[in-house]
Amino acid sequence: MKTIITTILLGFFISTGLFAQQTIKNVEHDYVITHVENNVYDVKFLDSEGNILQKGQYWKEGNTVKPHGTWLLYGFDSDKVITKAVYDKGEKLSIETIIDGKVVKANKELIATKNL
Protein backbone atom coordinates (compact mmCIF):
# COMPACT_ATOMS: atom_id res chain seq x y z
CA MET A 1 0.00 0.00 0.00
CA LYS A 2 2.82 2.37 0.91
CA THR A 3 4.49 1.67 -2.47
CA ILE A 4 1.28 2.49 -4.37
CA ILE A 5 0.82 5.82 -2.56
CA THR A 6 4.48 6.71 -3.11
CA THR A 7 4.16 5.88 -6.81
CA ILE A 8 1.02 8.01 -7.16
CA LEU A 9 2.62 10.97 -5.37
CA LEU A 10 5.79 10.66 -7.46
CA GLY A 11 3.69 10.59 -10.65
CA PHE A 12 1.77 13.65 -9.47
CA PHE A 13 4.93 15.69 -8.81
CA ILE A 14 6.49 14.70 -12.13
CA SER A 15 3.33 15.52 -14.11
CA THR A 16 2.90 18.99 -12.57
CA GLY A 17 5.87 20.17 -14.60
CA LEU A 18 3.96 19.25 -17.75
CA PHE A 19 1.22 21.74 -16.87
CA ALA A 20 3.54 24.68 -16.10
CA GLN A 21 3.08 27.98 -17.88
CA GLN A 22 4.29 28.15 -21.43
CA THR A 23 7.60 29.88 -21.97
CA ILE A 24 7.47 32.61 -24.58
CA LYS A 25 10.58 33.09 -26.66
CA ASN A 26 11.57 36.65 -27.55
CA VAL A 27 11.83 36.59 -31.33
CA GLU A 28 14.14 38.99 -33.11
CA HIS A 29 12.34 40.98 -35.76
CA ASP A 30 13.56 42.44 -39.00
CA TYR A 31 13.92 46.19 -39.06
CA VAL A 32 14.42 48.91 -41.63
CA ILE A 33 16.38 52.07 -40.81
CA THR A 34 16.18 55.09 -43.10
CA HIS A 35 18.26 58.26 -42.73
CA VAL A 36 15.90 61.24 -42.64
CA GLU A 37 18.22 64.22 -42.09
CA ASN A 38 21.19 65.22 -39.93
CA ASN A 39 21.07 62.97 -36.83
CA VAL A 40 17.51 61.64 -37.32
CA TYR A 41 16.74 58.11 -38.53
CA ASP A 42 13.36 56.43 -39.08
CA VAL A 43 13.08 52.81 -37.94
CA LYS A 44 10.38 50.19 -38.54
CA PHE A 45 10.31 46.79 -36.85
CA LEU A 46 8.61 44.14 -39.00
CA ASP A 47 7.18 40.68 -38.37
CA SER A 48 7.97 37.70 -40.60
CA GLU A 49 5.19 38.71 -43.01
CA GLY A 50 6.44 42.30 -43.37
CA ASN A 51 3.76 43.91 -41.18
CA ILE A 52 4.90 46.87 -39.07
CA LEU A 53 5.01 46.01 -35.36
CA GLN A 54 6.59 49.23 -34.14
CA LYS A 55 7.92 52.40 -35.68
CA GLY A 56 9.67 55.52 -34.52
CA GLN A 57 12.82 57.57 -34.86
CA TYR A 58 16.31 57.48 -33.45
CA TRP A 59 18.60 60.40 -32.66
CA LYS A 60 22.24 59.54 -33.31
CA GLU A 61 24.94 60.92 -30.99
CA GLY A 62 28.40 59.59 -31.77
CA ASN A 63 28.14 55.77 -31.77
CA THR A 64 24.86 55.62 -29.84
CA VAL A 65 21.24 56.06 -30.85
CA LYS A 66 18.42 57.26 -28.64
CA PRO A 67 14.67 57.09 -29.18
CA HIS A 68 13.40 60.38 -30.56
CA GLY A 69 10.06 61.75 -31.72
CA THR A 70 6.87 59.70 -31.67
CA TRP A 71 7.05 55.91 -31.32
CA LEU A 72 4.05 53.73 -32.13
CA LEU A 73 3.49 50.11 -31.06
CA TYR A 74 0.82 48.19 -32.97
CA GLY A 75 -1.40 45.37 -31.77
CA PHE A 76 -0.64 41.78 -32.76
CA ASP A 77 -1.94 41.09 -36.29
CA SER A 78 -3.52 44.55 -36.39
CA ASP A 79 -2.84 48.06 -37.60
CA LYS A 80 -4.35 49.46 -34.39
CA VAL A 81 -1.96 51.57 -32.28
CA ILE A 82 -1.89 50.25 -28.70
CA THR A 83 0.95 52.36 -27.30
CA LYS A 84 2.27 55.79 -28.25
CA ALA A 85 5.36 57.30 -26.64
CA VAL A 86 7.03 60.65 -27.31
CA TYR A 87 10.78 61.15 -26.79
CA ASP A 88 13.21 64.02 -27.11
CA LYS A 89 16.73 62.70 -27.74
CA GLY A 90 16.24 59.74 -25.40
CA GLU A 91 14.15 61.48 -22.74
CA LYS A 92 10.62 60.09 -22.49
CA LEU A 93 8.16 63.00 -22.51
CA SER A 94 4.85 61.13 -22.50
CA ILE A 95 3.30 57.72 -22.97
CA GLU A 96 -0.24 56.67 -23.82
CA THR A 97 -1.40 53.06 -23.89
CA ILE A 98 -4.54 50.96 -23.80
CA ILE A 99 -5.01 48.73 -20.74
CA ASP A 100 -8.19 46.64 -20.43
CA GLY A 101 -9.82 48.76 -23.14
CA LYS A 102 -9.10 52.07 -21.39
CA VAL A 103 -6.61 54.73 -22.47
CA VAL A 104 -3.97 55.43 -19.81
CA LYS A 105 -1.71 58.49 -20.16
CA ALA A 106 1.38 59.65 -18.32
CA ASN A 107 3.25 62.90 -18.84
CA LYS A 108 6.92 63.68 -18.16
CA GLU A 109 6.33 64.55 -14.49
CA LEU A 110 4.35 61.39 -13.73
CA ILE A 111 6.92 59.26 -15.57
CA ALA A 112 9.70 60.80 -13.45
CA THR A 113 7.87 60.09 -10.17
CA LYS A 114 6.85 56.54 -11.11
CA ASN A 115 10.06 55.62 -13.03
CA LEU A 116 8.04 54.35 -16.01
C-alpha atoms as a PDB file:
ATOM      1  CA  MET A   1       0.000   0.000   0.000  1.00  0.00           C
ATOM      2  CA  LYS A   2       2.825   2.374   0.910  1.00  0.00           C
ATOM      3  CA  THR A   3       4.486   1.671  -2.472  1.00  0.00           C
ATOM      4  CA  ILE A   4       1.283   2.494  -4.369  1.00  0.00           C
ATOM      5  CA  ILE A   5       0.816   5.824  -2.558  1.00  0.00           C
ATOM      6  CA  THR A   6       4.482   6.714  -3.108  1.00  0.00           C
ATOM      7  CA  THR A   7       4.162   5.885  -6.805  1.00  0.00           C
ATOM      8  CA  ILE A   8       1.019   8.007  -7.159  1.00  0.00           C
ATOM      9  CA  LEU A   9       2.621  10.974  -5.372  1.00  0.00           C
ATOM     10  CA  LEU A  10       5.785  10.658  -7.462  1.00  0.00           C
ATOM     11  CA  GLY A  11       3.688  10.586 -10.647  1.00  0.00           C
ATOM     12  CA  PHE A  12       1.768  13.647  -9.470  1.00  0.00           C
ATOM     13  CA  PHE A  13       4.926  15.685  -8.812  1.00  0.00           C
ATOM     14  CA  ILE A  14       6.486  14.697 -12.133  1.00  0.00           C
ATOM     15  CA  SER A  15       3.335  15.516 -14.106  1.00  0.00           C
ATOM     16  CA  THR A  16       2.901  18.991 -12.567  1.00  0.00           C
ATOM     17  CA  GLY A  17       5.869  20.173 -14.603  1.00  0.00           C
ATOM     18  CA  LEU A  18       3.957  19.253 -17.746  1.00  0.00           C
ATOM     19  CA  PHE A  19       1.223  21.743 -16.875  1.00  0.00           C
ATOM     20  CA  ALA A  20       3.537  24.675 -16.102  1.00  0.00           C
ATOM     21  CA  GLN A  21       3.084  27.983 -17.879  1.00  0.00           C
ATOM     22  CA  GLN A  22       4.294  28.147 -21.430  1.00  0.00           C
ATOM     23  CA  THR A  23       7.601  29.876 -21.967  1.00  0.00           C
ATOM     24  CA  ILE A  24       7.474  32.609 -24.579  1.00  0.00           C
ATOM     25  CA  LYS A  25      10.579  33.094 -26.659  1.00  0.00           C
ATOM     26  CA  ASN A  26      11.573  36.645 -27.550  1.00  0.00           C
ATOM     27  CA  VAL A  27      11.833  36.589 -31.325  1.00  0.00           C
ATOM     28  CA  GLU A  28      14.136  38.991 -33.108  1.00  0.00           C
ATOM     29  CA  HIS A  29      12.339  40.983 -35.760  1.00  0.00           C
ATOM     30  CA  ASP A  30      13.563  42.444 -39.004  1.00  0.00           C
ATOM     31  CA  TYR A  31      13.923  46.192 -39.061  1.00  0.00           C
ATOM     32  CA  VAL A  32      14.425  48.909 -41.631  1.00  0.00           C
ATOM     33  CA  ILE A  33      16.384  52.067 -40.810  1.00  0.00           C
ATOM     34  CA  THR A  34      16.183  55.092 -43.099  1.00  0.00           C
ATOM     35  CA  HIS A  35      18.260  58.256 -42.733  1.00  0.00           C
ATOM     36  CA  VAL A  36      15.899  61.245 -42.639  1.00  0.00           C
ATOM     37  CA  GLU A  37      18.215  64.224 -42.087  1.00  0.00           C
ATOM     38  CA  ASN A  38      21.192  65.219 -39.933  1.00  0.00           C
ATOM     39  CA  ASN A  39      21.073  62.967 -36.827  1.00  0.00           C
ATOM     40  CA  VAL A  40      17.507  61.641 -37.318  1.00  0.00           C
ATOM     41  CA  TYR A  41      16.742  58.106 -38.532  1.00  0.00           C
ATOM     42  CA  ASP A  42      13.363  56.428 -39.075  1.00  0.00           C
ATOM     43  CA  VAL A  43      13.075  52.807 -37.939  1.00  0.00           C
ATOM     44  CA  LYS A  44      10.377  50.186 -38.539  1.00  0.00           C
ATOM     45  CA  PHE A  45      10.313  46.786 -36.855  1.00  0.00           C
ATOM     46  CA  LEU A  46       8.607  44.137 -38.997  1.00  0.00           C
ATOM     47  CA  ASP A  47       7.184  40.678 -38.372  1.00  0.00           C
ATOM     48  CA  SER A  48       7.972  37.696 -40.599  1.00  0.00           C
ATOM     49  CA  GLU A  49       5.189  38.713 -43.013  1.00  0.00           C
ATOM     50  CA  GLY A  50       6.439  42.299 -43.370  1.00  0.00           C
ATOM     51  CA  ASN A  51       3.761  43.907 -41.182  1.00  0.00           C
ATOM     52  CA  ILE A  52       4.898  46.870 -39.074  1.00  0.00           C
ATOM     53  CA  LEU A  53       5.006  46.015 -35.359  1.00  0.00           C
ATOM     54  CA  GLN A  54       6.594  49.233 -34.142  1.00  0.00           C
ATOM     55  CA  LYS A  55       7.922  52.403 -35.681  1.00  0.00           C
ATOM     56  CA  GLY A  56       9.667  55.520 -34.517  1.00  0.00           C
ATOM     57  CA  GLN A  57      12.817  57.571 -34.856  1.00  0.00           C
ATOM     58  CA  TYR A  58      16.315  57.481 -33.449  1.00  0.00           C
ATOM     59  CA  TRP A  59      18.599  60.403 -32.661  1.00  0.00           C
ATOM     60  CA  LYS A  60      22.242  59.540 -33.307  1.00  0.00           C
ATOM     61  CA  GLU A  61      24.939  60.920 -30.989  1.00  0.00           C
ATOM     62  CA  GLY A  62      28.395  59.586 -31.775  1.00  0.00           C
ATOM     63  CA  ASN A  63      28.136  55.775 -31.770  1.00  0.00           C
ATOM     64  CA  THR A  64      24.859  55.616 -29.836  1.00  0.00           C
ATOM     65  CA  VAL A  65      21.245  56.057 -30.847  1.00  0.00           C
ATOM     66  CA  LYS A  66      18.425  57.264 -28.638  1.00  0.00           C
ATOM     67  CA  PRO A  67      14.672  57.093 -29.183  1.00  0.00           C
ATOM     68  CA  HIS A  68      13.397  60.383 -30.560  1.00  0.00           C
ATOM     69  CA  GLY A  69      10.062  61.752 -31.723  1.00  0.00           C
ATOM     70  CA  THR A  70       6.872  59.704 -31.668  1.00  0.00           C
ATOM     71  CA  TRP A  71       7.046  55.913 -31.320  1.00  0.00           C
ATOM     72  CA  LEU A  72       4.052  53.726 -32.128  1.00  0.00           C
ATOM     73  CA  LEU A  73       3.494  50.108 -31.063  1.00  0.00           C
ATOM     74  CA  TYR A  74       0.817  48.191 -32.969  1.00  0.00           C
ATOM     75  CA  GLY A  75      -1.403  45.366 -31.774  1.00  0.00           C
ATOM     76  CA  PHE A  76      -0.637  41.783 -32.759  1.00  0.00           C
ATOM     77  CA  ASP A  77      -1.937  41.086 -36.287  1.00  0.00           C
ATOM     78  CA  SER A  78      -3.516  44.553 -36.395  1.00  0.00           C
ATOM     79  CA  ASP A  79      -2.839  48.061 -37.600  1.00  0.00           C
ATOM     80  CA  LYS A  80      -4.351  49.463 -34.390  1.00  0.00           C
ATOM     81  CA  VAL A  81      -1.962  51.567 -32.280  1.00  0.00           C
ATOM     82  CA  ILE A  82      -1.886  50.253 -28.700  1.00  0.00           C
ATOM     83  CA  THR A  83       0.950  52.359 -27.300  1.00  0.00           C
ATOM     84  CA  LYS A  84       2.266  55.793 -28.248  1.00  0.00           C
ATOM     85  CA  ALA A  85       5.364  57.296 -26.641  1.00  0.00           C
ATOM     86  CA  VAL A  86       7.031  60.645 -27.306  1.00  0.00           C
ATOM     87  CA  TYR A  87      10.779  61.152 -26.795  1.00  0.00           C
ATOM     88  CA  ASP A  88      13.214  64.025 -27.107  1.00  0.00           C
ATOM     89  CA  LYS A  89      16.733  62.698 -27.743  1.00  0.00           C
ATOM     90  CA  GLY A  90      16.241  59.744 -25.401  1.00  0.00           C
ATOM     91  CA  GLU A  91      14.153  61.482 -22.744  1.00  0.00           C
ATOM     92  CA  LYS A  92      10.618  60.090 -22.487  1.00  0.00           C
ATOM     93  CA  LEU A  93       8.162  63.003 -22.507  1.00  0.00           C
ATOM     94  CA  SER A  94       4.855  61.128 -22.503  1.00  0.00           C
ATOM     95  CA  ILE A  95       3.302  57.721 -22.974  1.00  0.00           C
ATOM     96  CA  GLU A  96      -0.237  56.666 -23.821  1.00  0.00           C
ATOM     97  CA  THR A  97      -1.400  53.056 -23.886  1.00  0.00           C
ATOM     98  CA  ILE A  98      -4.536  50.955 -23.802  1.00  0.00           C
ATOM     99  CA  ILE A  99      -5.014  48.731 -20.738  1.00  0.00           C
ATOM    100  CA  ASP A 100      -8.185  46.638 -20.433  1.00  0.00           C
ATOM    101  CA  GLY A 101      -9.821  48.761 -23.143  1.00  0.00           C
ATOM    102  CA  LYS A 102      -9.104  52.069 -21.388  1.00  0.00           C
ATOM    103  CA  VAL A 103      -6.611  54.726 -22.468  1.00  0.00           C
ATOM    104  CA  VAL A 104      -3.973  55.427 -19.812  1.00  0.00           C
ATOM    105  CA  LYS A 105      -1.713  58.485 -20.164  1.00  0.00           C
ATOM    106  CA  ALA A 106       1.380  59.650 -18.322  1.00  0.00           C
ATOM    107  CA  ASN A 107       3.255  62.900 -18.844  1.00  0.00           C
ATOM    108  CA  LYS A 108       6.920  63.682 -18.162  1.00  0.00           C
ATOM    109  CA  GLU A 109       6.334  64.551 -14.492  1.00  0.00           C
ATOM    110  CA  LEU A 110       4.353  61.391 -13.734  1.00  0.00           C
ATOM    111  CA  ILE A 111       6.915  59.256 -15.573  1.00  0.00           C
ATOM    112  CA  ALA A 112       9.696  60.797 -13.447  1.00  0.00           C
ATOM    113  CA  THR A 113       7.874  60.088 -10.168  1.00  0.00           C
ATOM    114  CA  LYS A 114       6.853  56.544 -11.114  1.00  0.00           C
ATOM    115  CA  ASN A 115      10.058  55.624 -13.029  1.00  0.00           C
ATOM    116  CA  LEU A 116       8.040  54.354 -16.013  1.00  0.00           C
END
